[in-house]
Amino acid sequence: MALTKGFITIATGKEQYYEIARNLLRSYRFTTENPLPFALLCDAENEYTREFDDVRIFKDAKCNYLDKLEMYDYLPYDINIFIDADCLVYRDINRLFDVFENADDFSCFGRVLPLDDKTGWFEYDNLNENMKSKVDFVVGLHGGIYYMRKTDLCKKVFDCAKDFTKDYYSYGFKGKFTNPGDEPLVALSMAVNKCKPVKFDFTAITCYWEYENNMKLSFKNNCAYVTVNDTYTDIVHWGTRFTKTSIYLKQISALKLLREGKNCAALYLSDFKYNVCILYNHILNFTKRVINKIKRILHI
């Protein structure tokens, strides 16, 4: 019997998260010739959940990063790829199953680092002696994508990560999280369970906030292009704060019009409207920076 496979994302709490999850789904289906099933893990069913192929309800949603650590019990497929809801897909991403084909049962994009490395999500020197005996490498990873086979090893990665939350602040994890973040916990659990990330691939996913003013984005041309490193990427990870910006909303408007089969004139008018908003925001932000600099000079 063939193994089932598909994509999943998470939306819990605010309506905003459900809306951006649906945007992710629509972008995937628009850019993919033969879309696979796409599931939503959430805390309630509503108008946004209806479009997903499978909907699984968390029994006790935490409405923060830690909901990711509950995924294993709700995995809908034999082989699953999780994508953060604040992402948009610009090219066919079914190829990711081939990218991770030879990966461990739990994997992601990232780096395998030596024990003396200081750039991963945790540092070996901050671990107690018992934990040090279990770790042979440090993990740096991007939590926007997780690859998961429904196996005992995958479950163990989640169980250990959840167990580490009890003493989260004793590990000296990196990252500025208001609540415990999933990435440091997953990184340590991967190291303990000998699961390694796949080498980070900028053509698969790129963080918008790292290239904010150096990206060309177009659903019409199935294009997300980073100008500074001459790279096309499949997925843009926006970050929740940027999903409220005119630049993101411009993408969603274009996607909507294209899905409805609107003509070029409608797309042009939409782009023009949002480009005006983007220009206005640039001018406003520039003005604020100038005023603040003058105040600092004058000690106001």
Protein backbone atom coordinates (compact mmCIF):
# COMPACT_ATOMS: atom_id res chain seq x y z
CA MET A 1 0.00 0.00 0.00
CA ALA A 2 1.42 3.37 -1.02
CA LEU A 3 2.37 5.79 1.73
CA THR A 4 0.20 8.88 2.01
CA LYS A 5 1.87 12.27 1.93
CA GLY A 6 0.84 15.90 2.13
CA PHE A 7 1.43 19.33 3.61
CA ILE A 8 0.19 20.75 6.91
CA THR A 9 0.13 24.11 8.67
CA ILE A 10 -1.12 25.42 12.01
CA ALA A 11 -3.55 28.19 12.95
CA THR A 12 -4.67 28.73 16.55
CA GLY A 13 -6.02 31.71 18.41
CA LYS A 14 -6.53 34.92 16.47
CA GLU A 15 -8.53 35.08 13.23
CA GLN A 16 -5.47 36.62 11.57
CA TYR A 17 -3.63 33.28 11.81
CA TYR A 18 -6.49 31.43 10.12
CA GLU A 19 -6.56 33.98 7.33
CA ILE A 20 -2.85 33.78 6.58
CA ALA A 21 -3.03 29.97 6.74
CA ARG A 22 -5.69 30.08 4.04
CA ASN A 23 -3.50 32.46 2.02
CA LEU A 24 -0.71 29.88 2.23
CA LEU A 25 -3.04 27.14 1.05
CA ARG A 26 -4.31 29.19 -1.88
CA SER A 27 -0.80 30.16 -2.95
CA TYR A 28 0.22 26.49 -2.91
CA ARG A 29 -2.72 25.38 -5.01
CA PHE A 30 -2.27 28.25 -7.46
CA THR A 31 1.41 27.56 -8.08
CA THR A 32 1.28 23.75 -8.10
CA GLU A 33 0.18 21.75 -11.13
CA ASN A 34 -0.76 18.63 -9.14
CA PRO A 35 -1.41 19.75 -5.56
CA LEU A 36 -1.21 17.18 -2.78
CA PRO A 37 -3.56 17.11 0.22
CA PHE A 38 -3.07 20.04 2.58
CA ALA A 39 -4.17 19.81 6.22
CA LEU A 40 -4.78 22.40 8.91
CA LEU A 41 -4.15 21.80 12.61
CA CYS A 42 -6.20 24.31 14.58
CA ASP A 43 -8.28 25.00 17.67
CA ALA A 44 -11.66 25.55 15.95
CA GLU A 45 -13.44 25.10 12.64
CA ASN A 46 -14.60 28.25 10.84
CA GLU A 47 -14.93 29.83 7.40
CA TYR A 48 -11.17 29.60 6.83
CA THR A 49 -10.86 25.89 7.57
CA ARG A 50 -13.36 24.77 4.92
CA GLU A 51 -10.89 24.90 2.05
CA PHE A 52 -8.39 22.49 3.60
CA ASP A 53 -8.40 18.81 2.69
CA ASP A 54 -8.08 17.70 6.32
CA VAL A 55 -8.75 19.57 9.55
CA ARG A 56 -7.50 18.31 12.91
CA ILE A 57 -8.51 20.06 16.13
CA PHE A 58 -6.01 20.39 18.98
CA LYS A 59 -7.49 19.17 22.26
CA ASP A 60 -5.58 21.77 24.26
CA ALA A 61 -4.15 24.45 21.98
CA LYS A 62 -1.61 26.76 23.59
CA CYS A 63 -1.93 29.39 20.86
CA ASN A 64 1.83 29.95 20.72
CA TYR A 65 4.96 28.34 19.30
CA LEU A 66 4.50 25.25 21.47
CA ASP A 67 1.50 24.11 19.42
CA LYS A 68 4.09 22.90 16.91
CA LEU A 69 5.34 20.40 19.48
CA GLU A 70 1.90 18.77 19.59
CA MET A 71 1.87 17.99 15.87
CA TYR A 72 2.83 14.33 16.02
CA ASP A 73 -0.48 13.17 17.53
CA TYR A 74 -2.38 14.93 14.73
CA LEU A 75 -0.27 14.08 11.68
CA PRO A 76 -2.76 13.22 8.91
CA TYR A 77 -0.37 11.50 6.50
CA ASP A 78 2.41 8.92 6.60
CA ILE A 79 4.85 11.56 5.33
CA ASN A 80 4.17 15.19 6.27
CA ILE A 81 5.77 18.53 5.51
CA PHE A 82 4.82 21.35 7.85
CA ILE A 83 4.99 24.94 6.57
CA ASP A 84 4.52 27.98 8.81
CA ALA A 85 1.24 29.76 8.12
CA ASP A 86 3.01 33.09 7.53
CA CYS A 87 4.56 31.75 4.32
CA LEU A 88 3.49 32.11 0.70
CA VAL A 89 4.35 29.66 -2.09
CA TYR A 90 5.55 31.06 -5.42
CA ARG A 91 6.60 27.87 -7.23
CA ASP A 92 5.71 24.19 -7.17
CA ILE A 93 6.96 22.79 -3.84
CA ASN A 94 6.05 19.14 -4.28
CA ARG A 95 9.76 18.68 -4.99
CA LEU A 96 10.41 19.04 -1.25
CA PHE A 97 9.42 15.41 -0.76
CA ASP A 98 12.30 14.48 -3.04
CA VAL A 99 14.66 16.86 -1.22
CA PHE A 100 13.93 15.11 2.10
CA GLU A 101 13.62 11.58 0.66
CA ASN A 102 16.87 10.41 2.28
CA ALA A 103 16.55 12.54 5.41
CA ASP A 104 15.93 11.28 8.92
CA ASP A 105 12.36 10.60 10.06
CA PHE A 106 12.28 14.11 11.50
CA SER A 107 14.21 16.75 9.61
CA CYS A 108 14.23 20.34 8.39
CA PHE A 109 16.53 22.78 6.67
CA GLY A 110 19.53 23.78 8.74
CA ARG A 111 23.12 23.01 9.65
CA VAL A 112 24.98 20.31 11.54
CA LEU A 113 27.53 22.16 13.67
CA PRO A 114 30.55 21.11 15.79
CA LEU A 115 30.21 20.99 19.57
CA ASP A 116 32.21 24.18 20.06
CA ASP A 117 30.01 26.20 17.72
CA LYS A 118 28.28 29.26 19.20
CA THR A 119 25.82 30.01 16.39
CA GLY A 120 23.29 27.19 16.81
CA TRP A 121 20.07 27.31 18.84
CA PHE A 122 21.90 25.92 21.86
CA GLU A 123 25.51 25.74 23.06
CA TYR A 124 27.06 22.48 24.19
CA ASP A 125 28.76 24.17 27.17
CA ASN A 126 25.34 25.20 28.57
CA LEU A 127 24.16 21.59 28.83
CA ASN A 128 24.44 19.53 32.01
CA GLU A 129 26.73 16.49 32.04
CA ASN A 130 23.89 14.03 31.45
CA MET A 131 22.71 15.95 28.39
CA LYS A 132 26.26 16.40 27.07
CA SER A 133 26.70 12.62 26.99
CA LYS A 134 23.74 12.38 24.57
CA VAL A 135 24.83 15.09 22.13
CA ASP A 136 27.41 14.65 19.36
CA PHE A 137 26.66 17.81 17.38
CA VAL A 138 24.92 21.17 17.63
CA VAL A 139 21.95 22.00 15.38
CA GLY A 140 21.13 25.22 13.60
CA LEU A 141 17.76 25.10 11.88
CA HIS A 142 14.98 27.05 10.21
CA GLY A 143 11.61 26.25 11.80
CA GLY A 144 9.52 27.37 8.84
CA ILE A 145 9.55 23.83 7.43
CA TYR A 146 9.55 20.51 9.29
CA TYR A 147 9.68 17.12 7.55
CA MET A 148 8.00 14.30 9.49
CA ARG A 149 7.48 10.61 8.88
CA LYS A 150 4.94 9.06 11.23
CA THR A 151 7.39 6.75 13.03
CA ASP A 152 8.55 6.05 16.58
CA LEU A 153 11.71 8.09 16.04
CA CYS A 154 9.71 11.12 14.89
CA LYS A 155 7.46 10.77 17.95
CA LYS A 156 10.52 10.62 20.18
CA VAL A 157 11.79 13.92 18.77
CA PHE A 158 8.50 15.58 19.72
CA ASP A 159 8.33 13.90 23.14
CA CYS A 160 11.85 14.99 24.07
CA ALA A 161 11.26 18.54 22.83
CA LYS A 162 8.12 18.78 24.99
CA ASP A 163 10.04 17.39 27.98
CA PHE A 164 12.73 20.05 27.55
CA THR A 165 10.13 22.81 28.00
CA LYS A 166 10.06 22.04 31.75
CA ASP A 167 13.58 23.47 32.16
CA TYR A 168 13.57 25.71 29.09
CA TYR A 169 15.51 28.59 30.62
CA SER A 170 18.23 26.37 32.09
CA TYR A 171 19.58 25.47 28.65
CA GLY A 172 20.56 29.00 27.66
CA PHE A 173 18.72 28.72 24.37
CA LYS A 174 19.21 31.42 21.73
CA GLY A 175 16.43 33.51 20.23
CA LYS A 176 14.23 36.32 21.52
CA PHE A 177 10.98 34.48 22.22
CA THR A 178 8.26 35.92 24.48
CA ASN A 179 7.27 32.33 25.25
CA PRO A 180 9.48 29.25 24.83
CA GLY A 181 10.22 28.84 21.12
CA ASP A 182 9.90 25.62 19.17
CA GLU A 183 13.16 25.97 17.24
CA PRO A 184 15.60 25.75 20.19
CA LEU A 185 13.66 22.84 21.68
CA VAL A 186 13.51 20.98 18.37
CA ALA A 187 17.21 21.64 17.71
CA LEU A 188 18.25 20.09 21.01
CA SER A 189 15.86 17.17 20.60
CA MET A 190 17.18 16.49 17.09
CA ALA A 191 20.73 16.38 18.45
CA VAL A 192 19.75 14.04 21.32
CA ASN A 193 17.90 11.73 18.92
CA LYS A 194 20.60 11.85 16.22
CA CYS A 195 18.31 13.43 13.62
CA LYS A 196 20.14 15.80 11.31
CA PRO A 197 18.83 18.71 9.27
CA VAL A 198 19.21 18.89 5.50
CA LYS A 199 21.60 21.60 4.30
CA PHE A 200 19.73 24.89 4.12
CA ASP A 201 18.50 25.65 0.62
CA PHE A 202 17.69 29.28 -0.25
CA THR A 203 15.90 28.08 -3.39
CA ALA A 204 13.37 26.30 -1.16
CA ILE A 205 12.60 28.96 1.46
CA THR A 206 13.82 32.49 2.14
CA CYS A 207 12.95 34.81 5.00
CA TYR A 208 11.41 38.06 3.82
CA TRP A 209 12.70 40.07 6.79
CA GLU A 210 16.29 39.28 5.83
CA TYR A 211 15.83 40.70 2.31
CA GLU A 212 13.04 43.21 2.87
CA ASN A 213 14.12 45.71 0.22
CA ASN A 214 15.78 43.25 -2.11
CA MET A 215 13.00 41.01 -3.37
CA LYS A 216 10.93 40.94 -6.55
CA LEU A 217 7.64 39.12 -6.03
CA SER A 218 5.05 38.13 -8.63
CA PHE A 219 2.38 35.44 -8.56
CA LYS A 220 1.65 36.26 -12.18
CA ASN A 221 5.15 35.08 -13.11
CA ASN A 222 5.51 32.48 -10.35
CA CYS A 223 8.49 34.45 -9.17
CA ALA A 224 10.08 35.24 -5.83
CA TYR A 225 13.53 36.60 -6.64
CA VAL A 226 16.21 37.82 -4.21
CA THR A 227 18.21 40.43 -6.08
CA VAL A 228 21.27 40.61 -3.81
CA ASN A 229 22.20 36.95 -4.22
CA ASP A 230 20.55 36.30 -7.60
CA THR A 231 18.35 33.50 -6.22
CA TYR A 232 14.82 32.36 -6.99
CA THR A 233 13.02 30.81 -4.05
CA ASP A 234 9.92 28.59 -3.82
CA ILE A 235 8.62 29.84 -0.48
CA VAL A 236 8.79 33.27 1.13
CA HIS A 237 8.60 33.15 4.91
CA TRP A 238 7.15 36.55 5.74
CA GLY A 239 7.08 36.60 9.53
CA THR A 240 3.77 37.40 11.18
CA ARG A 241 4.47 41.11 11.56
CA PHE A 242 4.96 41.54 7.81
CA THR A 243 1.62 39.90 6.94
CA LYS A 244 -0.02 43.20 7.91
CA THR A 245 2.06 45.27 5.51
CA SER A 246 1.00 46.68 2.16
CA ILE A 247 3.63 44.56 0.42
CA TYR A 248 2.10 41.32 1.70
CA LEU A 249 -1.45 42.53 1.04
CA LYS A 250 -0.40 43.38 -2.52
CA GLN A 251 0.60 39.74 -2.98
CA ILE A 252 -2.73 38.50 -1.62
CA SER A 253 -4.71 40.88 -3.82
CA ALA A 254 -2.84 39.74 -6.94
CA LEU A 255 -3.32 36.10 -5.97
CA LYS A 256 -7.06 36.63 -5.55
CA LEU A 257 -7.40 38.34 -8.94
CA LEU A 258 -5.37 35.66 -10.71
CA ARG A 259 -7.39 32.86 -9.12
CA GLU A 260 -10.55 34.61 -10.34
CA GLY A 261 -9.13 34.91 -13.87
CA LYS A 262 -9.14 38.73 -13.89
CA ASN A 263 -7.43 40.56 -16.73
CA CYS A 264 -4.18 42.53 -16.70
CA ALA A 265 -5.99 45.83 -16.15
CA ALA A 266 -7.37 44.64 -12.81
CA LEU A 267 -3.93 43.46 -11.76
CA TYR A 268 -2.39 46.77 -12.78
CA LEU A 269 -4.92 48.77 -10.77
CA SER A 270 -4.40 46.57 -7.73
CA ASP A 271 -0.62 46.88 -7.96
CA PHE A 272 -0.89 50.65 -8.41
CA LYS A 273 -3.05 51.02 -5.30
CA TYR A 274 -0.68 49.05 -3.11
CA ASN A 275 2.42 50.63 -4.62
CA VAL A 276 1.05 54.03 -3.54
CA CYS A 277 0.57 52.67 -0.02
CA ILE A 278 4.09 51.22 -0.02
CA LEU A 279 5.59 54.53 -1.20
CA TYR A 280 3.62 56.44 1.43
CA ASN A 281 4.90 54.13 4.17
CA HIS A 282 8.49 54.52 2.94
CA ILE A 283 8.18 58.30 3.02
CA LEU A 284 6.54 58.19 6.46
CA ASN A 285 9.24 55.93 7.90
CA PHE A 286 12.00 58.03 6.36
CA THR A 287 10.47 61.19 7.82
CA LYS A 288 10.27 59.61 11.27
CA ARG A 289 13.94 58.58 11.10
CA VAL A 290 14.99 62.10 10.09
CA ILE A 291 12.96 63.68 12.89
CA ASN A 292 14.37 61.26 15.46
CA LYS A 293 17.91 61.94 14.27
CA ILE A 294 17.38 65.70 14.54
CA LYS A 295 16.03 65.22 18.07
CA ARG A 296 19.10 63.21 19.06
CA ILE A 297 21.42 65.87 17.59
CA LEU A 298 19.58 68.65 19.39
CA HIS A 299 19.12 66.55 22.55
CA ILE A 300 15.40 67.16 22.48
